[in-house]
N, C-alpha and C. Protein backbone atom coordinates (compact mmCIF):
# COMPACT_ATOMS: atom_id res chain seq x y z
N MET A 1 0.80 -1.32 0.02
CA MET A 1 0.36 -0.08 0.11
C MET A 1 0.51 1.33 0.34
N ILE A 2 1.80 1.32 1.14
CA ILE A 2 2.54 2.40 0.86
C ILE A 2 3.98 1.86 1.43
N ALA A 3 5.00 1.53 0.13
CA ALA A 3 6.51 1.15 0.70
C ALA A 3 7.39 2.44 0.78
N PHE A 4 8.71 1.73 1.02
CA PHE A 4 9.77 2.73 1.48
C PHE A 4 11.00 1.61 1.20
N ASP A 5 11.75 1.96 0.07
CA ASP A 5 12.72 1.15 -0.43
C ASP A 5 14.00 1.91 -0.19
N ASN A 6 14.91 2.21 0.76
CA ASN A 6 15.76 2.82 1.03
C ASN A 6 15.80 4.26 0.80
N ALA A 7 15.08 4.08 1.84
CA ALA A 7 14.33 5.98 1.02
C ALA A 7 15.20 6.96 2.38
N ALA A 8 15.08 8.06 1.86
CA ALA A 8 15.91 9.04 2.87
C ALA A 8 15.65 10.65 2.10
N TYR A 9 15.72 11.25 3.13
CA TYR A 9 14.96 13.03 2.62
C TYR A 9 16.00 13.91 3.68
N SER A 10 16.56 14.67 2.77
CA SER A 10 17.69 15.52 3.36
C SER A 10 16.87 17.04 3.28
N TYR A 11 17.33 17.74 3.87
CA TYR A 11 16.85 18.98 4.42
C TYR A 11 17.79 20.14 4.76
N GLY A 12 18.13 21.10 4.60
CA GLY A 12 19.16 22.17 4.86
C GLY A 12 20.62 21.55 4.70
N GLY A 13 20.83 20.82 3.94
CA GLY A 13 21.97 20.23 3.58
C GLY A 13 22.45 18.96 4.61
N GLY A 14 21.36 19.15 5.59
CA GLY A 14 21.62 17.12 6.14
C GLY A 14 20.50 16.60 6.26
N GLU A 15 20.87 15.68 6.47
CA GLU A 15 20.03 14.20 5.98
C GLU A 15 18.73 13.84 7.17
N LEU A 16 17.68 14.11 7.14
CA LEU A 16 17.20 13.84 8.31
C LEU A 16 16.60 12.70 8.51
N LEU A 17 16.14 12.08 7.51
CA LEU A 17 15.92 10.32 7.44
C LEU A 17 16.68 9.75 6.48
N SER A 18 17.23 8.49 7.29
CA SER A 18 17.87 7.38 6.39
C SER A 18 17.29 6.45 6.24
N GLU A 19 17.66 5.81 4.78
CA GLU A 19 17.99 3.89 4.79
C GLU A 19 16.58 3.12 5.54
N ILE A 20 15.54 4.25 4.88
CA ILE A 20 14.49 3.69 5.26
C ILE A 20 13.30 2.56 4.29
N SER A 21 13.27 1.39 4.98
CA SER A 21 13.15 0.39 4.08
C SER A 21 11.76 -0.29 5.20
N LEU A 22 10.48 -0.06 4.55
CA LEU A 22 9.56 -0.73 5.44
C LEU A 22 8.17 -0.13 4.29
N ARG A 23 7.10 -1.17 4.94
CA ARG A 23 5.96 -1.77 4.21
C ARG A 23 4.36 -1.35 5.29
N LEU A 24 3.58 -0.54 5.07
CA LEU A 24 2.37 -0.16 5.91
C LEU A 24 1.83 -1.13 4.97
N ALA A 25 1.04 -2.15 5.21
CA ALA A 25 0.00 -2.66 4.63
C ALA A 25 -1.29 -2.74 5.03
N PRO A 26 -2.24 -3.21 3.91
CA PRO A 26 -3.35 -2.78 4.25
C PRO A 26 -4.21 -3.42 5.40
N GLY A 27 -4.57 -2.61 6.03
CA GLY A 27 -5.60 -3.29 7.41
C GLY A 27 -4.11 -2.80 8.70
N SER A 28 -3.24 -2.66 8.57
CA SER A 28 -2.23 -2.17 9.85
C SER A 28 -2.63 -1.05 10.19
N PHE A 29 -1.89 -1.43 11.47
CA PHE A 29 -2.33 0.38 12.76
C PHE A 29 -0.62 0.31 13.19
N HIS A 30 -0.11 1.84 12.83
CA HIS A 30 1.21 1.57 13.51
C HIS A 30 1.15 3.08 14.00
N PHE A 31 1.79 2.66 15.24
CA PHE A 31 2.49 4.34 15.98
C PHE A 31 4.02 4.45 15.09
N LEU A 32 4.10 6.02 15.43
CA LEU A 32 5.57 6.41 15.13
C LEU A 32 6.08 7.26 16.55
N THR A 33 6.97 6.98 16.97
CA THR A 33 7.60 7.46 17.93
C THR A 33 8.93 8.28 17.61
N GLY A 34 9.70 8.73 18.34
CA GLY A 34 10.51 9.82 18.11
C GLY A 34 10.52 11.21 19.02
N PRO A 35 11.73 11.69 19.07
CA PRO A 35 11.98 12.99 19.77
C PRO A 35 11.42 13.79 18.97
N SER A 36 10.73 14.86 19.51
CA SER A 36 10.50 16.20 18.70
C SER A 36 12.09 16.67 17.62
N GLY A 37 11.73 17.07 16.55
CA GLY A 37 12.86 16.96 15.52
C GLY A 37 12.98 16.01 14.68
N SER A 38 13.07 14.76 15.32
CA SER A 38 13.23 13.58 14.62
C SER A 38 13.08 13.17 13.10
N GLY A 39 11.74 13.63 12.85
CA GLY A 39 11.44 13.40 11.38
C GLY A 39 9.75 12.82 11.32
N LYS A 40 8.96 12.75 12.07
CA LYS A 40 7.84 12.20 12.35
C LYS A 40 6.95 12.82 11.39
N SER A 41 6.89 14.41 11.44
CA SER A 41 6.17 15.33 10.49
C SER A 41 6.42 14.59 8.53
N THR A 42 8.01 14.71 8.47
CA THR A 42 8.34 14.46 7.25
C THR A 42 8.20 13.07 6.93
N PHE A 43 8.19 11.99 7.91
CA PHE A 43 7.72 11.36 7.32
C PHE A 43 6.32 10.76 7.10
N LEU A 44 5.27 11.42 7.22
CA LEU A 44 3.95 11.24 7.23
C LEU A 44 4.16 11.97 6.14
N LYS A 45 4.54 13.41 5.65
CA LYS A 45 4.75 13.70 4.22
C LYS A 45 4.92 12.88 2.82
N LEU A 46 6.31 11.81 3.43
CA LEU A 46 6.80 11.23 2.54
C LEU A 46 5.49 10.33 2.15
N CYS A 47 4.64 9.84 2.99
CA CYS A 47 3.52 8.83 3.05
C CYS A 47 2.30 9.44 2.08
N TYR A 48 2.13 10.58 2.00
CA TYR A 48 1.45 11.45 0.81
C TYR A 48 1.46 12.39 0.04
N GLY A 49 2.81 12.11 -0.03
CA GLY A 49 3.39 13.06 -1.55
C GLY A 49 3.64 14.23 -1.37
N GLU A 50 3.72 14.63 0.33
CA GLU A 50 3.64 16.32 0.00
C GLU A 50 5.49 16.38 0.15
N LEU A 51 5.99 15.51 0.23
CA LEU A 51 7.60 15.78 -0.08
C LEU A 51 7.75 14.25 -0.70
N LEU A 52 9.31 14.63 -1.55
CA LEU A 52 9.41 13.66 -2.07
C LEU A 52 10.80 12.94 -1.67
N PRO A 53 11.43 11.66 -1.94
CA PRO A 53 12.55 11.75 -1.37
C PRO A 53 13.57 11.91 -1.80
N THR A 54 14.43 12.76 -1.24
CA THR A 54 16.08 12.58 -1.86
C THR A 54 16.73 11.50 -2.24
N ALA A 55 16.45 10.43 -1.38
CA ALA A 55 17.50 9.22 -2.45
C ALA A 55 16.32 8.01 -2.01
N GLY A 56 16.62 6.73 -2.98
CA GLY A 56 15.76 6.18 -2.80
C GLY A 56 14.80 6.10 -3.24
N ARG A 57 13.26 5.25 -3.02
CA ARG A 57 11.70 5.06 -3.52
C ARG A 57 10.76 5.02 -2.47
N VAL A 58 9.73 5.91 -2.69
CA VAL A 58 8.18 5.30 -1.64
C VAL A 58 7.65 5.38 -2.72
N THR A 59 6.70 4.20 -2.88
CA THR A 59 5.67 3.49 -3.83
C THR A 59 4.33 4.04 -2.83
N LEU A 60 3.24 4.80 -3.79
CA LEU A 60 2.11 4.78 -2.92
C LEU A 60 0.94 4.15 -3.69
N PHE A 61 0.67 2.84 -3.29
CA PHE A 61 -0.75 1.78 -3.84
C PHE A 61 0.17 1.62 -5.53
N ASP A 62 1.65 0.90 -5.36
CA ASP A 62 2.00 0.03 -6.50
C ASP A 62 2.62 1.20 -7.30
N ARG A 63 2.50 2.41 -7.01
CA ARG A 63 2.99 3.72 -8.13
C ARG A 63 4.06 4.51 -7.24
N GLU A 64 5.29 4.87 -7.86
CA GLU A 64 6.63 5.28 -7.58
C GLU A 64 6.19 6.64 -7.59
N VAL A 65 6.20 7.16 -6.07
CA VAL A 65 5.68 8.74 -6.13
C VAL A 65 6.24 9.83 -7.29
N ARG A 66 8.04 9.34 -7.49
CA ARG A 66 8.56 10.65 -8.65
C ARG A 66 8.10 10.45 -9.58
N GLY A 67 7.34 9.65 -10.03
CA GLY A 67 6.49 9.19 -11.29
C GLY A 67 5.34 9.80 -11.60
N LEU A 68 4.67 9.96 -10.84
CA LEU A 68 3.11 10.77 -10.75
C LEU A 68 3.51 11.83 -11.22
N SER A 69 2.43 12.37 -11.82
CA SER A 69 2.12 13.75 -12.35
C SER A 69 1.77 14.36 -11.39
N ARG A 70 1.16 16.19 -11.26
CA ARG A 70 0.55 16.16 -10.37
C ARG A 70 -0.69 15.95 -9.95
N ASP A 71 -1.66 16.11 -11.35
CA ASP A 71 -3.02 14.99 -11.10
C ASP A 71 -2.58 14.09 -10.60
N GLY A 72 -1.87 12.89 -10.73
CA GLY A 72 -1.40 11.48 -10.24
C GLY A 72 -1.42 12.06 -8.82
N VAL A 73 -0.43 13.06 -8.48
CA VAL A 73 -0.69 13.00 -6.63
C VAL A 73 -2.24 13.45 -6.43
N ALA A 74 -2.60 14.13 -6.68
CA ALA A 74 -3.54 14.20 -6.36
C ALA A 74 -4.54 13.64 -6.21
N LEU A 75 -5.13 12.95 -7.29
CA LEU A 75 -5.78 11.60 -7.32
C LEU A 75 -5.86 10.30 -6.08
N THR A 76 -4.15 10.39 -5.87
CA THR A 76 -3.23 9.21 -4.93
C THR A 76 -4.18 9.68 -3.36
N ARG A 77 -3.51 11.42 -3.70
CA ARG A 77 -4.15 11.65 -1.70
C ARG A 77 -5.53 11.31 -1.57
N ARG A 78 -6.43 11.25 -2.23
CA ARG A 78 -8.05 11.23 -1.94
C ARG A 78 -8.16 9.63 -1.81
N ARG A 79 -7.15 9.02 -1.50
CA ARG A 79 -6.92 7.94 -0.51
C ARG A 79 -6.14 7.78 0.60
N ILE A 80 -5.88 9.10 1.00
CA ILE A 80 -4.80 9.12 2.00
C ILE A 80 -6.08 10.11 2.67
N GLY A 81 -6.15 10.16 3.85
CA GLY A 81 -6.98 11.18 4.97
C GLY A 81 -5.89 11.48 5.52
N VAL A 82 -5.38 13.00 6.10
CA VAL A 82 -4.50 13.65 7.28
C VAL A 82 -5.12 14.15 8.13
N VAL A 83 -4.55 14.09 9.51
CA VAL A 83 -5.24 14.36 10.38
C VAL A 83 -4.03 15.26 10.85
N HIS A 84 -4.13 16.81 10.79
CA HIS A 84 -2.71 17.26 11.35
C HIS A 84 -2.74 17.56 13.19
N GLN A 85 -2.16 18.17 13.90
CA GLN A 85 -2.01 18.42 14.99
C GLN A 85 -2.76 19.70 15.29
N ASP A 86 -2.24 20.73 14.31
CA ASP A 86 -3.11 22.01 14.13
C ASP A 86 -3.79 22.33 12.98
N CYS A 87 -5.19 21.44 13.35
CA CYS A 87 -5.96 21.62 12.45
C CYS A 87 -6.43 22.82 12.08
N GLN A 88 -6.81 23.49 10.83
CA GLN A 88 -7.08 24.49 10.31
C GLN A 88 -8.35 24.24 10.05
N PHE A 89 -9.31 25.56 9.91
CA PHE A 89 -10.54 25.05 9.44
C PHE A 89 -10.98 26.63 8.48
N LEU A 90 -11.57 26.69 7.80
CA LEU A 90 -12.53 28.12 7.84
C LEU A 90 -13.29 28.71 8.42
N ASP A 91 -12.84 29.82 9.16
CA ASP A 91 -13.69 30.01 10.60
C ASP A 91 -15.31 30.70 10.08
N HIS A 92 -15.30 30.92 8.49
CA HIS A 92 -16.33 31.53 8.31
C HIS A 92 -17.80 30.50 7.83
N LEU A 93 -16.82 29.03 7.91
CA LEU A 93 -18.10 27.95 7.23
C LEU A 93 -18.25 27.25 8.56
N PRO A 94 -19.71 26.32 8.67
CA PRO A 94 -20.06 25.76 9.63
C PRO A 94 -19.09 24.49 9.36
N VAL A 95 -18.77 23.64 10.91
CA VAL A 95 -18.57 22.34 10.78
C VAL A 95 -18.63 21.24 9.40
N ALA A 96 -20.11 21.43 9.45
CA ALA A 96 -20.65 20.32 8.10
C ALA A 96 -19.54 20.69 6.97
N SER A 97 -19.73 21.74 6.57
CA SER A 97 -19.39 22.56 5.46
C SER A 97 -17.89 22.40 5.52
N ASN A 98 -17.12 22.63 6.43
CA ASN A 98 -15.87 22.51 6.51
C ASN A 98 -15.09 20.98 5.99
N VAL A 99 -16.15 20.06 6.79
CA VAL A 99 -15.90 18.33 6.79
C VAL A 99 -16.40 18.25 5.56
N ALA A 100 -17.47 18.60 4.75
CA ALA A 100 -17.54 18.42 3.19
C ALA A 100 -16.58 19.17 2.24
N LEU A 101 -15.69 19.71 2.62
CA LEU A 101 -14.70 20.21 1.77
C LEU A 101 -13.62 19.50 0.81
N PRO A 102 -13.22 18.39 1.91
CA PRO A 102 -12.62 17.34 0.41
C PRO A 102 -13.50 17.10 -0.58
N LEU A 103 -14.69 16.69 -0.42
CA LEU A 103 -14.94 16.31 -1.80
C LEU A 103 -16.01 17.60 -2.64
N LEU A 104 -16.04 18.50 -1.67
CA LEU A 104 -16.34 19.94 -2.70
C LEU A 104 -15.17 19.85 -3.85
N VAL A 105 -14.10 19.96 -3.24
CA VAL A 105 -12.74 20.32 -3.95
C VAL A 105 -12.39 19.28 -5.25
N SER A 106 -12.80 17.83 -5.13
CA SER A 106 -12.74 16.46 -5.75
C SER A 106 -13.72 16.80 -6.68
N GLY A 107 -14.84 17.69 -6.50
CA GLY A 107 -15.96 17.59 -7.59
C GLY A 107 -17.23 16.58 -7.35
N ARG A 108 -17.17 15.99 -6.18
CA ARG A 108 -17.45 15.17 -5.98
C ARG A 108 -19.04 15.22 -5.20
N PRO A 109 -19.76 14.58 -4.97
CA PRO A 109 -21.16 14.82 -4.17
C PRO A 109 -21.39 14.78 -2.75
N THR A 110 -22.10 15.66 -2.09
CA THR A 110 -22.17 15.66 -0.59
C THR A 110 -23.23 15.23 -0.18
N PRO A 111 -23.30 13.84 -0.32
CA PRO A 111 -24.84 13.35 0.16
C PRO A 111 -25.00 13.92 1.57
N ALA A 112 -25.80 14.36 1.87
CA ALA A 112 -26.64 15.03 3.24
C ALA A 112 -26.54 14.18 4.36
N ARG A 113 -27.57 12.97 3.92
CA ARG A 113 -27.02 11.66 4.67
C ARG A 113 -26.21 10.85 5.64
N ASP A 114 -25.03 11.21 4.19
CA ASP A 114 -23.69 10.16 4.41
C ASP A 114 -23.36 11.45 5.74
N LEU A 115 -23.03 12.98 5.52
CA LEU A 115 -22.23 13.68 6.18
C LEU A 115 -22.71 13.98 7.60
N SER A 116 -24.42 14.03 7.68
CA SER A 116 -24.84 13.87 8.92
C SER A 116 -24.87 12.66 9.85
N ASP A 117 -24.66 11.38 9.12
CA ASP A 117 -24.10 9.85 10.31
C ASP A 117 -22.77 9.91 10.45
N LEU A 118 -21.65 10.92 9.55
CA LEU A 118 -20.15 10.95 9.75
C LEU A 118 -20.03 11.82 11.13
N LEU A 119 -21.01 13.41 10.59
CA LEU A 119 -20.99 13.79 12.28
C LEU A 119 -21.22 13.31 13.33
N ALA A 120 -22.57 12.37 13.50
CA ALA A 120 -22.75 11.72 14.64
C ALA A 120 -21.37 10.45 14.93
N TRP A 121 -21.23 10.07 14.13
CA TRP A 121 -20.05 9.17 14.74
C TRP A 121 -18.72 9.41 15.67
N VAL A 122 -18.73 11.06 14.74
CA VAL A 122 -17.60 11.65 15.76
C VAL A 122 -18.26 12.47 16.87
N GLY A 123 -19.19 12.19 17.07
CA GLY A 123 -20.49 12.81 18.19
C GLY A 123 -20.32 14.39 18.28
N LEU A 124 -20.16 15.28 16.95
CA LEU A 124 -20.40 16.47 16.57
C LEU A 124 -21.97 16.70 15.72
N GLY A 125 -22.97 15.75 16.20
CA GLY A 125 -24.29 15.67 15.26
C GLY A 125 -24.79 17.23 15.36
N GLN A 126 -25.21 17.51 16.69
CA GLN A 126 -25.58 18.94 17.60
C GLN A 126 -24.73 20.22 17.38
N LEU A 127 -23.50 19.77 16.27
CA LEU A 127 -22.67 21.02 15.69
C LEU A 127 -22.51 21.12 14.84
N ALA A 128 -22.80 21.02 13.78
CA ALA A 128 -23.01 20.90 12.05
C ALA A 128 -23.32 21.78 12.21
N THR A 129 -24.08 22.97 12.56
CA THR A 129 -23.56 24.36 11.82
C THR A 129 -23.29 25.36 12.94
N ALA A 130 -22.37 25.02 13.70
CA ALA A 130 -21.88 25.95 14.37
C ALA A 130 -19.98 26.43 13.57
N LEU A 131 -19.80 27.05 14.16
CA LEU A 131 -18.68 27.85 13.42
C LEU A 131 -17.25 27.39 13.98
N PRO A 132 -15.98 27.01 13.29
CA PRO A 132 -15.36 26.34 14.18
C PRO A 132 -14.41 26.96 15.41
N PRO A 133 -14.47 28.71 15.59
CA PRO A 133 -14.15 29.08 16.53
C PRO A 133 -14.65 28.66 18.04
N SER A 134 -15.99 28.10 17.92
CA SER A 134 -16.70 28.34 18.94
C SER A 134 -16.19 26.49 18.95
N LEU A 135 -15.51 25.87 18.40
CA LEU A 135 -15.12 24.34 19.27
C LEU A 135 -14.22 24.10 20.32
N SER A 136 -14.55 23.44 20.78
CA SER A 136 -13.04 23.02 21.87
C SER A 136 -12.15 21.84 21.26
N GLY A 137 -10.86 22.13 21.89
CA GLY A 137 -9.68 21.19 20.99
C GLY A 137 -10.38 19.85 20.73
N GLY A 138 -10.82 19.36 21.74
CA GLY A 138 -11.51 17.81 21.30
C GLY A 138 -12.25 18.02 20.25
N GLU A 139 -13.26 18.63 20.46
CA GLU A 139 -14.24 18.92 19.34
C GLU A 139 -13.31 19.04 17.43
N ARG A 140 -12.56 19.90 17.45
CA ARG A 140 -11.64 20.45 16.53
C ARG A 140 -11.10 18.97 16.33
N GLN A 141 -10.70 18.24 16.72
CA GLN A 141 -9.73 17.06 16.31
C GLN A 141 -10.61 16.00 16.11
N ARG A 142 -11.99 15.94 16.40
CA ARG A 142 -12.94 14.83 15.42
C ARG A 142 -13.92 15.13 14.80
N ALA A 143 -13.24 16.87 14.27
CA ALA A 143 -13.88 17.49 12.71
C ALA A 143 -12.79 17.63 11.95
N ALA A 144 -11.54 17.37 12.43
CA ALA A 144 -10.61 17.34 11.72
C ALA A 144 -10.71 15.06 10.79
N LEU A 145 -10.61 14.69 11.81
CA LEU A 145 -10.89 12.99 11.32
C LEU A 145 -11.99 13.10 10.48
N ALA A 146 -13.05 13.61 10.84
CA ALA A 146 -14.24 13.26 10.02
C ALA A 146 -13.89 13.91 8.70
N ARG A 147 -13.18 15.09 8.51
CA ARG A 147 -12.89 15.65 7.00
C ARG A 147 -11.84 14.91 6.68
N ALA A 148 -10.67 14.19 7.47
CA ALA A 148 -10.02 13.23 6.81
C ALA A 148 -10.35 11.82 6.10
N VAL A 149 -11.54 11.38 7.06
CA VAL A 149 -12.21 10.50 6.14
C VAL A 149 -13.51 10.49 5.57
N ILE A 150 -13.93 11.73 5.32
CA ILE A 150 -15.25 11.93 4.61
C ILE A 150 -15.03 11.37 2.98
N THR A 151 -14.28 10.92 2.60
CA THR A 151 -13.91 10.69 1.01
C THR A 151 -13.26 9.12 1.13
N GLY A 152 -13.57 8.49 2.15
CA GLY A 152 -13.17 6.77 2.14
C GLY A 152 -12.35 6.92 1.94
N PRO A 153 -11.01 7.35 2.53
CA PRO A 153 -9.43 6.89 2.37
C PRO A 153 -9.17 5.55 2.58
N ASP A 154 -8.35 5.01 2.14
CA ASP A 154 -7.54 3.73 2.52
C ASP A 154 -6.41 3.63 3.94
N VAL A 155 -5.96 4.93 3.64
CA VAL A 155 -4.84 5.18 5.03
C VAL A 155 -5.51 6.44 5.58
N ILE A 156 -5.01 6.28 6.69
CA ILE A 156 -5.48 7.71 7.58
C ILE A 156 -4.01 7.99 8.44
N LEU A 157 -3.88 8.77 8.23
CA LEU A 157 -2.43 9.36 8.89
C LEU A 157 -2.88 10.77 9.47
N ALA A 158 -2.38 10.22 10.92
CA ALA A 158 -2.69 11.32 12.10
C ALA A 158 -1.24 11.76 12.86
N ASP A 159 -0.86 13.41 12.47
CA ASP A 159 0.26 13.70 13.24
C ASP A 159 -0.23 14.30 14.97
N GLU A 160 0.43 13.73 15.85
CA GLU A 160 0.11 14.02 17.09
C GLU A 160 -1.26 14.52 17.51
N PRO A 161 -2.19 13.51 17.33
CA PRO A 161 -3.44 14.33 16.95
C PRO A 161 -3.88 13.98 18.36
N THR A 162 -3.77 13.57 19.73
CA THR A 162 -4.16 14.00 20.75
C THR A 162 -2.98 14.89 21.50
N GLY A 163 -2.23 15.46 20.95
CA GLY A 163 -1.02 16.72 21.63
C GLY A 163 -1.41 17.60 22.34
N ASN A 164 -2.80 18.04 22.13
CA ASN A 164 -3.10 19.62 23.12
C ASN A 164 -4.44 18.67 23.40
N LEU A 165 -4.65 17.51 23.64
CA LEU A 165 -5.75 17.12 24.75
C LEU A 165 -5.44 16.18 25.67
N ASP A 166 -6.50 16.15 26.87
CA ASP A 166 -6.49 15.70 27.79
C ASP A 166 -6.39 14.16 27.68
N TRP A 167 -6.49 13.13 28.72
CA TRP A 167 -6.75 12.18 28.63
C TRP A 167 -7.87 11.20 28.19
N GLU A 168 -8.77 11.57 28.84
CA GLU A 168 -10.46 11.19 28.31
C GLU A 168 -10.57 11.57 27.14
N LEU A 169 -10.39 12.85 26.31
CA LEU A 169 -10.46 13.03 24.88
C LEU A 169 -9.58 12.54 23.93
N SER A 170 -8.66 12.12 24.59
CA SER A 170 -7.48 11.18 24.03
C SER A 170 -7.79 9.62 23.92
N LEU A 171 -8.77 9.38 24.57
CA LEU A 171 -9.25 8.03 24.29
C LEU A 171 -10.18 7.99 23.65
N ARG A 172 -10.96 9.11 23.61
CA ARG A 172 -12.24 9.10 22.75
C ARG A 172 -11.55 9.59 21.11
N LEU A 173 -10.96 9.76 20.99
CA LEU A 173 -10.03 9.93 19.60
C LEU A 173 -9.63 8.60 18.99
N LEU A 174 -8.82 8.03 19.89
CA LEU A 174 -8.52 6.59 19.67
C LEU A 174 -8.96 5.78 19.83
N THR A 175 -10.40 6.01 20.31
CA THR A 175 -11.60 5.15 19.82
C THR A 175 -12.00 5.13 18.43
N LEU A 176 -11.93 6.22 17.68
CA LEU A 176 -12.54 6.47 16.54
C LEU A 176 -11.51 5.56 15.64
N LEU A 177 -10.31 5.57 15.79
CA LEU A 177 -9.49 5.45 14.87
C LEU A 177 -9.10 4.10 15.36
N VAL A 178 -9.37 3.62 16.35
CA VAL A 178 -9.58 1.66 16.58
C VAL A 178 -10.79 1.42 15.68
N GLU A 179 -11.67 2.28 15.62
CA GLU A 179 -12.94 1.70 14.99
C GLU A 179 -12.68 1.40 13.30
N LEU A 180 -11.94 2.32 12.95
CA LEU A 180 -11.49 2.55 11.43
C LEU A 180 -10.57 1.72 11.57
N ASN A 181 -9.43 1.36 11.99
CA ASN A 181 -8.83 0.09 11.52
C ASN A 181 -9.46 -1.28 11.40
N ARG A 182 -10.60 -1.36 12.48
CA ARG A 182 -11.56 -2.54 12.68
C ARG A 182 -11.69 -2.55 11.11
N MET A 183 -12.22 -1.29 10.56
CA MET A 183 -13.46 -1.14 9.08
C MET A 183 -12.12 -1.82 8.18
N GLY A 184 -11.04 -1.84 8.24
CA GLY A 184 -10.43 -2.27 7.38
C GLY A 184 -9.49 -0.94 7.19
N LYS A 185 -9.11 -0.32 7.68
CA LYS A 185 -8.12 1.23 7.18
C LYS A 185 -6.78 1.03 7.82
N THR A 186 -5.72 1.43 7.13
CA THR A 186 -4.67 1.34 7.61
C THR A 186 -4.37 2.87 8.39
N ILE A 187 -3.70 2.43 9.51
CA ILE A 187 -3.90 3.85 10.37
C ILE A 187 -2.20 4.00 11.12
N VAL A 188 -1.33 5.24 10.84
CA VAL A 188 -0.61 5.60 11.35
C VAL A 188 -0.65 6.83 12.26
N VAL A 189 -0.62 6.55 13.42
CA VAL A 189 -0.39 7.86 14.05
C VAL A 189 1.53 8.28 14.98
N ALA A 190 1.60 9.31 14.39
CA ALA A 190 2.55 10.35 15.24
C ALA A 190 2.33 10.60 16.51
N THR A 191 3.22 10.22 17.66
CA THR A 191 2.22 10.44 19.03
C THR A 191 4.02 10.45 19.92
N HIS A 192 3.58 10.94 20.79
CA HIS A 192 5.07 11.23 22.05
C HIS A 192 4.41 10.35 23.10
N ASP A 193 3.03 9.99 23.57
CA ASP A 193 2.17 9.49 24.10
C ASP A 193 2.22 7.97 24.36
N LEU A 194 3.24 7.78 25.28
CA LEU A 194 2.94 6.38 25.32
C LEU A 194 1.97 5.81 25.95
N ASN A 195 1.19 6.33 26.82
CA ASN A 195 0.19 5.99 27.46
C ASN A 195 -0.79 5.66 26.46
N LEU A 196 -1.13 6.41 25.26
CA LEU A 196 -1.83 6.24 24.14
C LEU A 196 -1.89 4.86 23.47
N ILE A 197 0.00 4.55 23.28
CA ILE A 197 0.20 3.41 22.59
C ILE A 197 -0.03 2.07 23.43
N ARG A 198 -0.17 1.85 24.49
CA ARG A 198 -0.30 1.07 25.66
C ARG A 198 -1.85 0.76 25.45
N GLN A 199 -2.86 1.83 25.62
CA GLN A 199 -3.94 1.15 25.48
C GLN A 199 -4.23 1.38 24.11
N ALA A 200 -3.74 1.36 23.10
CA ALA A 200 -4.18 0.60 21.81
C ALA A 200 -3.74 -0.80 21.49
N LYS A 201 -2.60 -0.77 22.22
CA LYS A 201 -2.21 -2.57 22.20
C LYS A 201 -3.03 -3.55 22.85
N SER A 202 -3.79 -2.94 23.52
CA SER A 202 -5.01 -3.65 24.70
C SER A 202 -6.06 -4.00 23.62
N GLN A 203 -5.97 -2.76 22.37
CA GLN A 203 -7.41 -3.08 21.84
C GLN A 203 -7.08 -3.83 20.22
N VAL A 204 -6.02 -3.62 19.77
CA VAL A 204 -5.82 -3.97 18.35
C VAL A 204 -4.51 -3.99 17.96
N SER A 205 -4.30 -4.75 17.30
CA SER A 205 -2.70 -5.18 16.85
C SER A 205 -2.07 -4.26 16.36
N THR A 206 -0.84 -3.47 16.60
CA THR A 206 -0.22 -2.47 16.62
C THR A 206 1.30 -3.00 16.46
N ARG A 207 1.80 -1.81 15.52
CA ARG A 207 3.30 -2.03 15.28
C ARG A 207 3.61 -0.44 15.61
N VAL A 208 5.09 -0.40 16.26
CA VAL A 208 5.14 0.92 17.07
C VAL A 208 6.32 0.86 16.28
N LEU A 209 6.75 1.72 15.54
CA LEU A 209 7.91 2.54 14.67
C LEU A 209 8.44 3.56 15.54
N ARG A 210 10.22 3.48 16.01
CA ARG A 210 10.41 4.52 16.31
C ARG A 210 11.52 5.10 15.17
N ILE A 211 11.74 6.55 15.33
CA ILE A 211 12.87 7.07 14.67
C ILE A 211 13.86 7.41 15.79
N SER A 212 14.90 6.64 15.38
CA SER A 212 16.21 7.46 15.98
C SER A 212 17.58 7.47 15.57
N LYS A 213 18.23 8.18 15.26
CA LYS A 213 19.42 8.54 14.72
C LYS A 213 18.88 8.34 12.94
N ARG A 214 18.23 9.13 12.73
CA ARG A 214 17.66 9.13 11.30
C ARG A 214 16.96 8.03 10.75
N ARG A 215 16.71 6.79 11.64
CA ARG A 215 16.52 5.40 10.68
C ARG A 215 15.01 4.85 11.48
N ILE A 216 14.55 4.05 10.85
CA ILE A 216 12.90 3.74 11.52
C ILE A 216 13.79 2.51 11.93
N GLN A 217 13.40 2.38 13.52
CA GLN A 217 13.31 1.06 14.01
C GLN A 217 11.85 0.64 14.86
N LEU A 218 11.79 -0.88 14.57
CA LEU A 218 10.58 -1.67 14.77
C LEU A 218 11.29 -1.29 16.58
N ALA A 219 10.20 -0.74 17.35
CA ALA A 219 10.31 -0.60 18.89
C ALA A 219 10.25 -1.95 19.61
N GLY A 220 10.72 -1.78 20.73
CA GLY A 220 10.54 -3.41 21.51
C GLY A 220 9.33 -3.27 22.05
N ALA A 221 9.12 -4.44 23.16
CA ALA A 221 8.24 -4.68 23.51
C ALA A 221 7.81 -4.04 25.09
N ASP A 222 8.69 -3.07 25.40
CA ASP A 222 8.57 -2.03 26.66
C ASP A 222 7.78 -1.13 26.51
N LEU A 223 7.30 -0.98 25.20
CA LEU A 223 6.38 -0.09 25.08
C LEU A 223 4.91 -0.44 25.86
């Protein structure tokens, strides 16, 4: 689905990630850990074609990302939903319209029932007409998750999605990610929160990847 073959990424004259070889299989659940500045966000950007490797290969759905045209990259990204830590919305549009934006941009219809069901699933059914500035941190993250999955992607990438949330809200978001994984979605979550990882491991089969010294390693059972 997403594969790295001896891939590397250099930035500012120095190599940030080196010799990465791994495969994110369909239906798998991965956590990505590592110190701040180690390259977690960069790895996720390589996963959805926002960045290109400076060495080696990254393959998205059996197509090497270097060989994709701009339109090809755009089409590929429809199969990947991304949740950013600092999720941004159009503040003048209600929550429902913000969540539906990916469909609007891609020229696809937005069935009202599907949108309503999705908002209810993330617990925002009563806030469909609310404006983003009125949302709490947890509500914003759940709206961001709804926006990421509205196109029916095969892969969900989440960059520190619980970084600004308390434990109760973090567990609520984790529950949604676990449910998506059980639906067959591939999940990759970058996080510093080892308690969140332990909680997930008690619910679903997960693989923990750690960035150390520019390389990605399979973390031990101590997590």
